[in-house]
Structure formats: C-alpha cells, structure tokens
Amino acid sequence: PSSVMVNTTTTVELVAATAAQRVYVCGFSLDNDTATTQLQVMYGTGTLCATDQTNLTGTYTVAALTLPNAGATQFQTAAGAALCLELNSNTQVNGHLTYLKY
C-alpha cells in the first residue's frame, strides 16, 4: 500500500489519475480544528476532479474522522479517475490516506 499525507485548506487531489488504473482506498484518518467543517471523498477527472464527479462517501461533519485500514478496500474510484477530498470551508485539515493503485 501507499500513503499520502493530507494538509490542506481547500479541495485537493489526493491521488492523481492514471489511465486504466483504479485507486483502492484501504483507510484514512483526518482531523481539523473545528467540528463544523464538512468534507467528502470523491473521484473524477480534470483539475481537482471537477469533471465527472462521483461521491464515494456521504458528507462528514467532523473534528476527527478515522476509517481504519481494515486490510480490505473501503471504496474505489473508476478506472482512469483521480481521488479528491472536497471541503466546504477554508479550515485546515490534516491526516493520511492508505491506498493501492492498479
């Protein structure tokens, strides 16, 4: 598995798209300094997944959120799509993501 560190205050591409490959998310952990920040994991193409957006999760309103690495895929993108994290406010979010890509 690979990991990526998340340190953002805006919508961010977590894993870049690669033609014909999917991103398989095994787990993630995020935290921020307020319980009012809403975030959502999604995939799509183009800059910041702006084209063909598909939500992978519902909207979370959290101060801290953990989806532990359970040794299995929690969700996956479509082939050739990037994985993004969308935030509803300009609040610092930190964390990590564990994933496979093939």
PDB file of N, CA and C in Angstrom:
ATOM      1  N   PRO A   1       0.825  -1.210   0.000  1.00  0.00           N
ATOM      2  CA  PRO A   1       0.000   0.000   0.000  1.00  0.00           C
ATOM      3  C   PRO A   1       0.859   1.260   0.000  1.00  0.00           C
ATOM      4  N   SER A   2       0.308   2.316  -0.494  1.00  0.00           N
ATOM      5  CA  SER A   2       0.955   3.623  -0.490  1.00  0.00           C
ATOM      6  C   SER A   2       0.209   4.526   0.466  1.00  0.00           C
ATOM      7  N   SER A   3       0.870   5.574   0.911  1.00  0.00           N
ATOM      8  CA  SER A   3       0.238   6.540   1.793  1.00  0.00           C
ATOM      9  C   SER A   3       0.459   7.934   1.243  1.00  0.00           C
ATOM     10  N   VAL A   4      -0.456   8.827   1.556  1.00  0.00           N
ATOM     11  CA  VAL A   4      -0.312  10.231   1.200  1.00  0.00           C
ATOM     12  C   VAL A   4      -0.681  11.041   2.435  1.00  0.00           C
ATOM     13  N   MET A   5       0.075  12.097   2.691  1.00  0.00           N
ATOM     14  CA  MET A   5      -0.243  12.994   3.796  1.00  0.00           C
ATOM     15  C   MET A   5      -1.202  14.064   3.302  1.00  0.00           C
ATOM     16  N   VAL A   6      -2.178  14.389   4.120  1.00  0.00           N
ATOM     17  CA  VAL A   6      -3.172  15.399   3.778  1.00  0.00           C
ATOM     18  C   VAL A   6      -2.917  16.618   4.649  1.00  0.00           C
ATOM     19  N   ASN A   7      -2.739  17.756   4.019  1.00  0.00           N
ATOM     20  CA  ASN A   7      -2.522  19.004   4.745  1.00  0.00           C
ATOM     21  C   ASN A   7      -3.073  20.106   3.854  1.00  0.00           C
ATOM     22  N   THR A   8      -4.335  20.450   4.028  1.00  0.00           N
ATOM     23  CA  THR A   8      -4.982  21.328   3.063  1.00  0.00           C
ATOM     24  C   THR A   8      -6.031  22.222   3.712  1.00  0.00           C
ATOM     25  N   THR A   9      -6.372  23.286   3.040  1.00  0.00           N
ATOM     26  CA  THR A   9      -7.477  24.146   3.448  1.00  0.00           C
ATOM     27  C   THR A   9      -8.470  24.316   2.310  1.00  0.00           C
ATOM     28  N   THR A  10      -8.383  23.452   1.303  1.00  0.00           N
ATOM     29  CA  THR A  10      -9.262  23.562   0.144  1.00  0.00           C
ATOM     30  C   THR A  10      -9.453  22.188  -0.481  1.00  0.00           C
ATOM     31  N   THR A  11     -10.253  22.098  -1.512  1.00  0.00           N
ATOM     32  CA  THR A  11     -10.401  20.844  -2.234  1.00  0.00           C
ATOM     33  C   THR A  11      -9.039  20.451  -2.802  1.00  0.00           C
ATOM     34  N   VAL A  12      -8.703  19.178  -2.683  1.00  0.00           N
ATOM     35  CA  VAL A  12      -7.370  18.724  -3.063  1.00  0.00           C
ATOM     36  C   VAL A  12      -7.454  17.371  -3.765  1.00  0.00           C
ATOM     37  N   GLU A  13      -6.598  17.190  -4.753  1.00  0.00           N
ATOM     38  CA  GLU A  13      -6.432  15.890  -5.392  1.00  0.00           C
ATOM     39  C   GLU A  13      -5.491  15.068  -4.523  1.00  0.00           C
ATOM     40  N   LEU A  14      -5.983  13.957  -3.999  1.00  0.00           N
ATOM     41  CA  LEU A  14      -5.180  13.117  -3.118  1.00  0.00           C
ATOM     42  C   LEU A  14      -4.312  12.143  -3.902  1.00  0.00           C
ATOM     43  N   VAL A  15      -4.885  11.542  -4.961  1.00  0.00           N
ATOM     44  CA  VAL A  15      -4.163  10.581  -5.785  1.00  0.00           C
ATOM     45  C   VAL A  15      -4.465  10.910  -7.240  1.00  0.00           C
ATOM     46  N   ALA A  16      -3.425  11.148  -8.011  1.00  0.00           N
ATOM     47  CA  ALA A  16      -3.595  11.514  -9.418  1.00  0.00           C
ATOM     48  C   ALA A  16      -4.149  10.351 -10.244  1.00  0.00           C
ATOM     49  N   ALA A  17      -4.845  10.693 -11.298  1.00  0.00           N
ATOM     50  CA  ALA A  17      -5.386   9.699 -12.222  1.00  0.00           C
ATOM     51  C   ALA A  17      -4.271   9.078 -13.052  1.00  0.00           C
ATOM     52  N   THR A  18      -4.423   7.800 -13.337  1.00  0.00           N
ATOM     53  CA  THR A  18      -3.557   7.087 -14.272  1.00  0.00           C
ATOM     54  C   THR A  18      -4.475   6.297 -15.185  1.00  0.00           C
ATOM     55  N   ALA A  19      -4.255   6.397 -16.486  1.00  0.00           N
ATOM     56  CA  ALA A  19      -5.124   5.731 -17.456  1.00  0.00           C
ATOM     57  C   ALA A  19      -5.308   4.255 -17.112  1.00  0.00           C
ATOM     58  N   ALA A  20      -6.558   3.823 -17.117  1.00  0.00           N
ATOM     59  CA  ALA A  20      -6.961   2.423 -16.913  1.00  0.00           C
ATOM     60  C   ALA A  20      -6.697   1.885 -15.509  1.00  0.00           C
ATOM     61  N   GLN A  21      -6.229   2.724 -14.573  1.00  0.00           N
ATOM     62  CA  GLN A  21      -5.996   2.256 -13.204  1.00  0.00           C
ATOM     63  C   GLN A  21      -7.040   2.828 -12.254  1.00  0.00           C
ATOM     64  N   ARG A  22      -7.354   2.054 -11.213  1.00  0.00           N
ATOM     65  CA  ARG A  22      -8.269   2.475 -10.155  1.00  0.00           C
ATOM     66  C   ARG A  22      -7.481   2.743  -8.879  1.00  0.00           C
ATOM     67  N   VAL A  23      -8.022   3.600  -8.029  1.00  0.00           N
ATOM     68  CA  VAL A  23      -7.461   3.835  -6.698  1.00  0.00           C
ATOM     69  C   VAL A  23      -8.347   3.086  -5.708  1.00  0.00           C
ATOM     70  N   TYR A  24      -7.755   2.199  -4.921  1.00  0.00           N
ATOM     71  CA  TYR A  24      -8.469   1.414  -3.916  1.00  0.00           C
ATOM     72  C   TYR A  24      -8.093   1.952  -2.538  1.00  0.00           C
ATOM     73  N   VAL A  25      -9.023   2.587  -1.859  1.00  0.00           N
ATOM     74  CA  VAL A  25      -8.757   3.180  -0.551  1.00  0.00           C
ATOM     75  C   VAL A  25      -8.927   2.114   0.522  1.00  0.00           C
ATOM     76  N   CYS A  26      -7.864   1.936   1.318  1.00  0.00           N
ATOM     77  CA  CYS A  26      -7.881   0.948   2.399  1.00  0.00           C
ATOM     78  C   CYS A  26      -8.236   1.578   3.739  1.00  0.00           C
ATOM     79  N   GLY A  27      -7.895   2.845   3.935  1.00  0.00           N
ATOM     80  CA  GLY A  27      -8.197   3.525   5.190  1.00  0.00           C
ATOM     81  C   GLY A  27      -7.730   4.960   5.142  1.00  0.00           C
ATOM     82  N   PHE A  28      -8.272   5.776   6.043  1.00  0.00           N
ATOM     83  CA  PHE A  28      -7.819   7.155   6.156  1.00  0.00           C
ATOM     84  C   PHE A  28      -8.112   7.687   7.542  1.00  0.00           C
ATOM     85  N   SER A  29      -7.400   8.752   7.888  1.00  0.00           N
ATOM     86  CA  SER A  29      -7.607   9.437   9.153  1.00  0.00           C
ATOM     87  C   SER A  29      -7.457  10.924   8.886  1.00  0.00           C
ATOM     88  N   LEU A  30      -8.434  11.712   9.318  1.00  0.00           N
ATOM     89  CA  LEU A  30      -8.414  13.159   9.114  1.00  0.00           C
ATOM     90  C   LEU A  30      -8.802  13.855  10.400  1.00  0.00           C
ATOM     91  N   ASP A  31      -8.233  15.012  10.626  1.00  0.00           N
ATOM     92  CA  ASP A  31      -8.680  15.823  11.749  1.00  0.00           C
ATOM     93  C   ASP A  31      -8.572  17.294  11.367  1.00  0.00           C
ATOM     94  N   ASN A  32      -9.323  18.111  12.069  1.00  0.00           N
ATOM     95  CA  ASN A  32      -9.278  19.555  11.860  1.00  0.00           C
ATOM     96  C   ASN A  32      -9.559  20.250  13.174  1.00  0.00           C
ATOM     97  N   ASP A  33      -9.534  21.564  13.151  1.00  0.00           N
ATOM     98  CA  ASP A  33      -9.650  22.315  14.397  1.00  0.00           C
ATOM     99  C   ASP A  33     -11.066  22.765  14.725  1.00  0.00           C
ATOM    100  N   THR A  34     -12.044  22.304  13.963  1.00  0.00           N
ATOM    101  CA  THR A  34     -13.428  22.687  14.234  1.00  0.00           C
ATOM    102  C   THR A  34     -14.370  21.550  13.886  1.00  0.00           C
ATOM    103  N   ALA A  35     -15.439  21.419  14.610  1.00  0.00           N
ATOM    104  CA  ALA A  35     -16.414  20.358  14.350  1.00  0.00           C
ATOM    105  C   ALA A  35     -17.417  20.748  13.281  1.00  0.00           C
ATOM    106  N   THR A  36     -17.243  21.912  12.653  1.00  0.00           N
ATOM    107  CA  THR A  36     -18.216  22.361  11.659  1.00  0.00           C
ATOM    108  C   THR A  36     -17.737  22.189  10.221  1.00  0.00           C
ATOM    109  N   THR A  37     -16.508  21.730  10.032  1.00  0.00           N
ATOM    110  CA  THR A  37     -16.013  21.510   8.682  1.00  0.00           C
ATOM    111  C   THR A  37     -16.686  20.283   8.082  1.00  0.00           C
ATOM    112  N   GLN A  38     -17.175  20.438   6.876  1.00  0.00           N
ATOM    113  CA  GLN A  38     -17.759  19.315   6.160  1.00  0.00           C
ATOM    114  C   GLN A  38     -16.802  18.886   5.065  1.00  0.00           C
ATOM    115  N   LEU A  39     -16.659  17.586   4.891  1.00  0.00           N
ATOM    116  CA  LEU A  39     -15.788  17.066   3.847  1.00  0.00           C
ATOM    117  C   LEU A  39     -16.410  15.847   3.215  1.00  0.00           C
ATOM    118  N   GLN A  40     -15.960  15.564   2.005  1.00  0.00           N
ATOM    119  CA  GLN A  40     -16.482  14.440   1.242  1.00  0.00           C
ATOM    120  C   GLN A  40     -15.369  13.912   0.348  1.00  0.00           C
ATOM    121  N   VAL A  41     -15.259  12.589   0.250  1.00  0.00           N
ATOM    122  CA  VAL A  41     -14.292  11.953  -0.639  1.00  0.00           C
ATOM    123  C   VAL A  41     -15.015  11.650  -1.946  1.00  0.00           C
ATOM    124  N   MET A  42     -14.359  11.982  -3.068  1.00  0.00           N
ATOM    125  CA  MET A  42     -14.980  11.791  -4.374  1.00  0.00           C
ATOM    126  C   MET A  42     -13.912  11.448  -5.400  1.00  0.00           C
ATOM    127  N   TYR A  43     -14.352  11.070  -6.596  1.00  0.00           N
ATOM    128  CA  TYR A  43     -13.420  10.901  -7.692  1.00  0.00           C
ATOM    129  C   TYR A  43     -13.953  11.606  -8.928  1.00  0.00           C
ATOM    130  N   GLY A  44     -13.049  11.830  -9.865  1.00  0.00           N
ATOM    131  CA  GLY A  44     -13.418  12.482 -11.116  1.00  0.00           C
ATOM    132  C   GLY A  44     -12.189  12.681 -11.967  1.00  0.00           C
ATOM    133  N   THR A  45     -12.349  13.426 -13.045  1.00  0.00           N
ATOM    134  CA  THR A  45     -11.238  13.731 -13.929  1.00  0.00           C
ATOM    135  C   THR A  45     -11.094  15.246 -14.010  1.00  0.00           C
ATOM    136  N   GLY A  46     -10.044  15.696 -14.649  1.00  0.00           N
ATOM    137  CA  GLY A  46      -9.820  17.136 -14.765  1.00  0.00           C
ATOM    138  C   GLY A  46      -9.251  17.704 -13.480  1.00  0.00           C
ATOM    139  N   THR A  47      -9.053  19.010 -13.478  1.00  0.00           N
ATOM    140  CA  THR A  47      -8.484  19.700 -12.324  1.00  0.00           C
ATOM    141  C   THR A  47      -9.377  19.520 -11.096  1.00  0.00           C
ATOM    142  N   LEU A  48      -8.795  19.026 -10.014  1.00  0.00           N
ATOM    143  CA  LEU A  48      -9.495  18.797  -8.738  1.00  0.00           C
ATOM    144  C   LEU A  48     -10.771  17.977  -8.913  1.00  0.00           C
ATOM    145  N   CYS A  49     -10.725  17.011  -9.815  1.00  0.00           N
ATOM    146  CA  CYS A  49     -11.855  16.089 -10.036  1.00  0.00           C
ATOM    147  C   CYS A  49     -13.127  16.819 -10.477  1.00  0.00           C
ATOM    148  N   ALA A  50     -12.980  17.945 -11.142  1.00  0.00           N
ATOM    149  CA  ALA A  50     -14.132  18.789 -11.469  1.00  0.00           C
ATOM    150  C   ALA A  50     -15.033  18.203 -12.558  1.00  0.00           C
ATOM    151  N   THR A  51     -14.529  17.261 -13.335  1.00  0.00           N
ATOM    152  CA  THR A  51     -15.308  16.658 -14.406  1.00  0.00           C
ATOM    153  C   THR A  51     -15.731  15.254 -14.002  1.00  0.00           C
ATOM    154  N   ASP A  52     -16.962  14.903 -14.292  1.00  0.00           N
ATOM    155  CA  ASP A  52     -17.498  13.562 -13.983  1.00  0.00           C
ATOM    156  C   ASP A  52     -17.353  13.209 -12.513  1.00  0.00           C
ATOM    157  N   GLN A  53     -17.653  14.168 -11.631  1.00  0.00           N
ATOM    158  CA  GLN A  53     -17.547  13.933 -10.185  1.00  0.00           C
ATOM    159  C   GLN A  53     -18.509  12.844  -9.727  1.00  0.00           C
ATOM    160  N   THR A  54     -17.996  11.960  -8.889  1.00  0.00           N
ATOM    161  CA  THR A  54     -18.811  10.933  -8.252  1.00  0.00           C
ATOM    162  C   THR A  54     -18.411  10.870  -6.783  1.00  0.00           C
ATOM    163  N   ASN A  55     -19.365  10.996  -5.886  1.00  0.00           N
ATOM    164  CA  ASN A  55     -19.083  10.929  -4.452  1.00  0.00           C
ATOM    165  C   ASN A  55     -18.858   9.489  -4.037  1.00  0.00           C
ATOM    166  N   LEU A  56     -17.811   9.268  -3.249  1.00  0.00           N
ATOM    167  CA  LEU A  56     -17.530   7.946  -2.696  1.00  0.00           C
ATOM    168  C   LEU A  56     -18.041   7.814  -1.275  1.00  0.00           C
ATOM    169  N   THR A  57     -18.230   8.949  -0.609  1.00  0.00           N
ATOM    170  CA  THR A  57     -18.747   8.949   0.757  1.00  0.00           C
ATOM    171  C   THR A  57     -19.869   9.965   0.847  1.00  0.00           C
ATOM    172  N   GLY A  58     -20.592   9.889   1.908  1.00  0.00           N
ATOM    173  CA  GLY A  58     -21.523  10.962   2.228  1.00  0.00           C
ATOM    174  C   GLY A  58     -20.727  12.137   2.755  1.00  0.00           C
ATOM    175  N   THR A  59     -21.413  13.193   3.148  1.00  0.00           N
ATOM    176  CA  THR A  59     -20.749  14.361   3.712  1.00  0.00           C
ATOM    177  C   THR A  59     -20.532  14.131   5.201  1.00  0.00           C
ATOM    178  N   TYR A  60     -19.287  14.284   5.635  1.00  0.00           N
ATOM    179  CA  TYR A  60     -18.939  14.160   7.044  1.00  0.00           C
ATOM    180  C   TYR A  60     -18.822  15.552   7.656  1.00  0.00           C
ATOM    181  N   THR A  61     -19.380  15.756   8.833  1.00  0.00           N
ATOM    182  CA  THR A  61     -19.148  16.964   9.622  1.00  0.00           C
ATOM    183  C   THR A  61     -18.363  16.517  10.841  1.00  0.00           C
ATOM    184  N   VAL A  62     -17.083  16.880  10.872  1.00  0.00           N
ATOM    185  CA  VAL A  62     -16.203  16.246  11.856  1.00  0.00           C
ATOM    186  C   VAL A  62     -15.159  17.186  12.426  1.00  0.00           C
ATOM    187  N   ALA A  63     -14.700  16.835  13.607  1.00  0.00           N
ATOM    188  CA  ALA A  63     -13.469  17.385  14.156  1.00  0.00           C
ATOM    189  C   ALA A  63     -12.363  16.353  13.958  1.00  0.00           C
ATOM    190  N   ALA A  64     -12.737  15.070  13.992  1.00  0.00           N
ATOM    191  CA  ALA A  64     -11.788  13.987  13.724  1.00  0.00           C
ATOM    192  C   ALA A  64     -12.560  12.823  13.110  1.00  0.00           C
ATOM    193  N   LEU A  65     -11.946  12.175  12.143  1.00  0.00           N
ATOM    194  CA  LEU A  65     -12.579  11.069  11.434  1.00  0.00           C
ATOM    195  C   LEU A  65     -11.524  10.035  11.115  1.00  0.00           C
ATOM    196  N   THR A  66     -11.796   8.780  11.443  1.00  0.00           N
ATOM    197  CA  THR A  66     -10.870   7.701  11.124  1.00  0.00           C
ATOM    198  C   THR A  66     -11.639   6.545  10.519  1.00  0.00           C
ATOM    199  N   LEU A  67     -11.182   6.096   9.364  1.00  0.00           N
ATOM    200  CA  LEU A  67     -11.636   4.859   8.755  1.00  0.00           C
ATOM    201  C   LEU A  67     -10.399   3.976   8.739  1.00  0.00           C
ATOM    202  N   PRO A  68     -10.266   3.086   9.734  1.00  0.00           N
ATOM    203  CA  PRO A  68      -9.012   2.363   9.889  1.00  0.00           C
ATOM    204  C   PRO A  68      -8.711   1.478   8.693  1.00  0.00           C
ATOM    205  N   ASN A  69      -7.427   1.198   8.510  1.00  0.00           N
ATOM    206  CA  ASN A  69      -7.011   0.286   7.464  1.00  0.00           C
ATOM    207  C   ASN A  69      -7.439  -1.105   7.893  1.00  0.00           C
ATOM    208  N   ALA A  70      -8.518  -1.581   7.305  1.00  0.00           N
ATOM    209  CA  ALA A  70      -9.120  -2.846   7.712  1.00  0.00           C
ATOM    210  C   ALA A  70      -8.571  -4.029   6.926  1.00  0.00           C
ATOM    211  N   GLY A  71      -7.538  -3.804   6.117  1.00  0.00           N
ATOM    212  CA  GLY A  71      -6.977  -4.893   5.330  1.00  0.00           C
ATOM    213  C   GLY A  71      -7.820  -5.222   4.113  1.00  0.00           C
ATOM    214  N   ALA A  72      -8.763  -4.355   3.799  1.00  0.00           N
ATOM    215  CA  ALA A  72      -9.645  -4.572   2.653  1.00  0.00           C
ATOM    216  C   ALA A  72      -9.985  -3.221   2.046  1.00  0.00           C
ATOM    217  N   THR A  73     -10.425  -3.224   0.809  1.00  0.00           N
ATOM    218  CA  THR A  73     -10.822  -1.995   0.141  1.00  0.00           C
ATOM    219  C   THR A  73     -12.080  -1.438   0.783  1.00  0.00           C
ATOM    220  N   GLN A  74     -12.048  -0.163   1.137  1.00  0.00           N
ATOM    221  CA  GLN A  74     -13.217   0.511   1.697  1.00  0.00           C
ATOM    222  C   GLN A  74     -14.069   1.125   0.596  1.00  0.00           C
ATOM    223  N   PHE A  75     -13.424   1.686  -0.424  1.00  0.00           N
ATOM    224  CA  PHE A  75     -14.084   2.175  -1.632  1.00  0.00           C
ATOM    225  C   PHE A  75     -13.033   2.357  -2.710  1.00  0.00           C
ATOM    226  N   GLN A  76     -13.487   2.531  -3.961  1.00  0.00           N
ATOM    227  CA  GLN A  76     -12.563   2.654  -5.084  1.00  0.00           C
ATOM    228  C   GLN A  76     -13.081   3.638  -6.117  1.00  0.00           C
ATOM    229  N   THR A  77     -12.155   4.159  -6.913  1.00  0.00           N
ATOM    230  CA  THR A  77     -12.517   5.067  -7.994  1.00  0.00           C
ATOM    231  C   THR A  77     -12.846   4.268  -9.248  1.00  0.00           C
ATOM    232  N   ALA A  78     -13.347   4.947 -10.227  1.00  0.00           N
ATOM    233  CA  ALA A  78     -13.478   4.377 -11.566  1.00  0.00           C
ATOM    234  C   ALA A  78     -12.089   4.337 -12.198  1.00  0.00           C
ATOM    235  N   ALA A  79     -11.907   3.505 -13.201  1.00  0.00           N
ATOM    236  CA  ALA A  79     -10.636   3.442 -13.915  1.00  0.00           C
ATOM    237  C   ALA A  79     -10.337   4.791 -14.559  1.00  0.00           C
ATOM    238  N   GLY A  80      -9.097   5.253 -14.411  1.00  0.00           N
ATOM    239  CA  GLY A  80      -8.671   6.497 -15.026  1.00  0.00           C
ATOM    240  C   GLY A  80      -9.094   7.758 -14.298  1.00  0.00           C
ATOM    241  N   ALA A  81      -9.621   7.619 -13.078  1.00  0.00           N
ATOM    242  CA  ALA A  81     -10.082   8.787 -12.311  1.00  0.00           C
ATOM    243  C   ALA A  81      -9.127   9.089 -11.163  1.00  0.00           C
ATOM    244  N   ALA A  82      -9.081  10.366 -10.779  1.00  0.00           N
ATOM    245  CA  ALA A  82      -8.299  10.810  -9.621  1.00  0.00           C
ATOM    246  C   ALA A  82      -9.171  10.738  -8.369  1.00  0.00           C
ATOM    247  N   LEU A  83      -8.548  10.678  -7.212  1.00  0.00           N
ATOM    248  CA  LEU A  83      -9.240  10.684  -5.925  1.00  0.00           C
ATOM    249  C   LEU A  83      -9.061  12.055  -5.294  1.00  0.00           C
ATOM    250  N   CYS A  84     -10.167  12.687  -4.869  1.00  0.00           N
ATOM    251  CA  CYS A  84     -10.118  14.029  -4.314  1.00  0.00           C
ATOM    252  C   CYS A  84     -10.847  14.107  -2.981  1.00  0.00           C
ATOM    253  N   LEU A  85     -10.490  15.111  -2.205  1.00  0.00           N
ATOM    254  CA  LEU A  85     -11.148  15.438  -0.951  1.00  0.00           C
ATOM    255  C   LEU A  85     -11.719  16.837  -1.106  1.00  0.00           C
ATOM    256  N   GLU A  86     -13.020  16.970  -0.917  1.00  0.00           N
ATOM    257  CA  GLU A  86     -13.696  18.254  -1.068  1.00  0.00           C
ATOM    258  C   GLU A  86     -14.074  18.798   0.299  1.00  0.00           C
ATOM    259  N   LEU A  87     -13.700  20.046   0.563  1.00  0.00           N
ATOM    260  CA  LEU A  87     -14.009  20.710   1.830  1.00  0.00           C
ATOM    261  C   LEU A  87     -15.006  21.821   1.586  1.00  0.00           C
ATOM    262  N   ASN A  88     -15.858  22.098   2.582  1.00  0.00           N
ATOM    263  CA  ASN A  88     -16.841  23.171   2.422  1.00  0.00           C
ATOM    264  C   ASN A  88     -16.358  24.500   2.990  1.00  0.00           C
ATOM    265  N   SER A  89     -15.189  24.514   3.608  1.00  0.00           N
ATOM    266  CA  SER A  89     -14.710  25.761   4.196  1.00  0.00           C
ATOM    267  C   SER A  89     -13.194  25.803   4.149  1.00  0.00           C
ATOM    268  N   ASN A  90     -12.658  26.944   4.431  1.00  0.00           N
ATOM    269  CA  ASN A  90     -11.220  27.162   4.413  1.00  0.00           C
ATOM    270  C   ASN A  90     -10.643  26.870   5.797  1.00  0.00           C
ATOM    271  N   THR A  91     -10.762  25.628   6.228  1.00  0.00           N
ATOM    272  CA  THR A  91     -10.274  25.187   7.528  1.00  0.00           C
ATOM    273  C   THR A  91      -9.181  24.152   7.315  1.00  0.00           C
ATOM    274  N   GLN A  92      -8.114  24.230   8.073  1.00  0.00           N
ATOM    275  CA  GLN A  92      -7.006  23.290   7.939  1.00  0.00           C
ATOM    276  C   GLN A  92      -7.460  21.873   8.260  1.00  0.00           C
ATOM    277  N   VAL A  93      -7.147  20.932   7.382  1.00  0.00           N
ATOM    278  CA  VAL A  93      -7.406  19.511   7.592  1.00  0.00           C
ATOM    279  C   VAL A  93      -6.089  18.776   7.429  1.00  0.00           C
ATOM    280  N   ASN A  94      -5.805  17.886   8.357  1.00  0.00           N
ATOM    281  CA  ASN A  94      -4.577  17.089   8.326  1.00  0.00           C
ATOM    282  C   ASN A  94      -4.939  15.619   8.422  1.00  0.00           C
ATOM    283  N   GLY A  95      -4.082  14.759   7.929  1.00  0.00           N
ATOM    284  CA  GLY A  95      -4.331  13.337   8.065  1.00  0.00           C
ATOM    285  C   GLY A  95      -3.493  12.521   7.096  1.00  0.00           C
ATOM    286  N   HIS A  96      -3.919  11.276   6.888  1.00  0.00           N
ATOM    287  CA  HIS A  96      -3.231  10.409   5.933  1.00  0.00           C
ATOM    288  C   HIS A  96      -4.250   9.477   5.278  1.00  0.00           C
ATOM    289  N   LEU A  97      -3.834   8.906   4.176  1.00  0.00           N
ATOM    290  CA  LEU A  97      -4.652   8.015   3.363  1.00  0.00           C
ATOM    291  C   LEU A  97      -3.799   6.830   2.973  1.00  0.00           C
ATOM    292  N   THR A  98      -4.332   5.624   3.105  1.00  0.00           N
ATOM    293  CA  THR A  98      -3.641   4.414   2.672  1.00  0.00           C
ATOM    294  C   THR A  98      -4.410   3.846   1.489  1.00  0.00           C
ATOM    295  N   TYR A  99      -3.698   3.550   0.406  1.00  0.00           N
ATOM    296  CA  TYR A  99      -4.378   3.112  -0.812  1.00  0.00           C
ATOM    297  C   TYR A  99      -3.484   2.221  -1.674  1.00  0.00           C
ATOM    298  N   LEU A 100      -4.104   1.524  -2.595  1.00  0.00           N
ATOM    299  CA  LEU A 100      -3.441   0.765  -3.644  1.00  0.00           C
ATOM    300  C   LEU A 100      -3.903   1.345  -4.974  1.00  0.00           C
ATOM    301  N   LYS A 101      -3.071   1.242  -5.985  1.00  0.00           N
ATOM    302  CA  LYS A 101      -3.429   1.751  -7.302  1.00  0.00           C
ATOM    303  C   LYS A 101      -2.942   0.772  -8.350  1.00  0.00           C
ATOM    304  N   TYR A 102      -3.894   0.237  -9.106  1.00  0.00           N
ATOM    305  CA  TYR A 102      -3.519  -0.677 -10.194  1.00  0.00           C
ATOM    306  C   TYR A 102      -4.648  -0.815 -11.174  1.00  0.00           C
TER     307      TYR A 102
END
